[in-house]
Protein backbone atom coordinates (compact mmCIF):
# COMPACT_ATOMS: atom_id res chain seq x y z
CA UNK A 1 0.00 0.00 0.00
CA UNK A 2 1.07 3.55 -0.63
CA UNK A 3 2.12 5.45 2.49
CA UNK A 4 2.39 9.22 2.80
CA UNK A 5 5.77 10.01 4.40
CA UNK A 6 7.70 13.28 4.44
CA UNK A 7 5.52 14.88 1.73
CA UNK A 8 5.88 11.85 -0.56
CA UNK A 9 3.80 8.84 -1.53
CA UNK A 10 6.05 5.83 -0.91
CA UNK A 11 5.68 2.17 -1.75
CA UNK A 12 7.98 -0.86 -1.79
CA UNK A 13 7.44 -3.66 -4.27
CA UNK A 14 8.89 -7.18 -4.35
CA UNK A 15 8.88 -9.30 -7.49
CA UNK A 16 9.85 -12.84 -8.38
CA UNK A 17 13.16 -11.83 -9.94
CA UNK A 18 15.06 -8.97 -11.57
CA UNK A 19 13.42 -9.50 -14.95
CA UNK A 20 9.93 -9.06 -13.51
CA UNK A 21 11.00 -6.00 -11.50
CA UNK A 22 12.57 -4.43 -14.59
CA UNK A 23 9.48 -5.17 -16.72
CA UNK A 24 7.39 -3.39 -14.09
CA UNK A 25 9.74 -0.40 -14.06
CA UNK A 26 9.64 -0.21 -17.86
CA UNK A 27 5.85 0.00 -17.83
CA UNK A 28 5.91 2.64 -15.09
CA UNK A 29 8.49 4.64 -17.07
CA UNK A 30 6.22 4.75 -20.14
CA UNK A 31 3.28 6.10 -18.14
CA UNK A 32 5.44 8.54 -16.18
CA UNK A 33 6.85 9.93 -19.43
CA UNK A 34 3.35 10.42 -20.87
CA UNK A 35 2.34 12.24 -17.70
CA UNK A 36 5.62 14.20 -17.63
CA UNK A 37 5.78 13.22 -13.96
CA UNK A 38 8.82 11.15 -13.10
CA UNK A 39 9.20 9.16 -9.89
CA UNK A 40 12.23 8.77 -7.70
CA UNK A 41 12.90 5.07 -7.54
CA UNK A 42 15.49 2.49 -6.66
CA UNK A 43 15.90 -1.10 -7.71
CA UNK A 44 17.98 -3.90 -6.24
CA UNK A 45 17.43 -7.31 -7.84
CA UNK A 46 13.71 -8.05 -7.29
CA UNK A 47 12.89 -5.05 -5.10
CA UNK A 48 11.68 -1.64 -6.26
CA UNK A 49 10.98 1.42 -4.11
CA UNK A 50 9.03 4.32 -5.57
CA UNK A 51 8.60 7.79 -4.08
CA UNK A 52 6.22 10.30 -5.64
CA UNK A 53 6.18 14.03 -4.97
CA UNK A 54 5.48 17.08 -7.10
CA UNK A 55 8.54 19.30 -7.24
CA UNK A 56 6.66 22.14 -9.01
CA UNK A 57 4.26 22.32 -6.05
CA UNK A 58 7.01 22.66 -3.47
CA UNK A 59 7.82 18.97 -3.02
CA UNK A 60 4.43 17.95 -1.74
CA UNK A 61 1.91 15.27 -2.67
CA UNK A 62 -0.58 16.43 -5.29
CA UNK A 63 -3.29 14.89 -7.44
CA UNK A 64 -0.60 14.23 -10.04
CA UNK A 65 1.14 11.89 -7.59
CA UNK A 66 -2.09 10.16 -6.66
CA UNK A 67 -2.94 9.64 -10.33
CA UNK A 68 0.46 8.14 -11.07
CA UNK A 69 0.14 5.89 -8.00
CA UNK A 70 -3.24 4.63 -9.29
CA UNK A 71 -1.70 3.96 -12.69
CA UNK A 72 1.13 2.04 -11.05
CA UNK A 73 -1.42 -0.03 -9.11
CA UNK A 74 -3.15 -0.82 -12.41
CA UNK A 75 0.14 -2.04 -13.87
CA UNK A 76 0.53 -4.38 -10.90
CA UNK A 77 -3.00 -5.64 -11.38
CA UNK A 78 -2.37 -6.37 -15.08
CA UNK A 79 0.76 -8.27 -14.03
CA UNK A 80 -1.40 -10.38 -11.73
CA UNK A 81 0.21 -8.92 -8.62
CA UNK A 82 -1.01 -6.90 -5.70
CA UNK A 83 2.36 -6.14 -4.09
C-alpha cells in the first residue's frame, strides 16, 4: 500500500526476480513519461521502491502523484500482482 511520508507517496514492491522488477519499471516509465511526472525510484534485484512528490508544487503530494500511484497499481494488477 502507498504510504504518505515526508511529503511523498512511498511504496515498496517485491517481485519474483530482476526480470519481472525491470518489466514493471519499464511499464511505469512509459506512463510517467506520458504524464511528464517522473518518480524517484530504486531497484535492487527483485525489489523496487518508488517515491512520488510534485517538485513544481514545493515537493508535496498532489493529485498528479495520486494519479500516477493509481496507474502504477493498475500495472501491478495487469501483471497479476497486488504487491
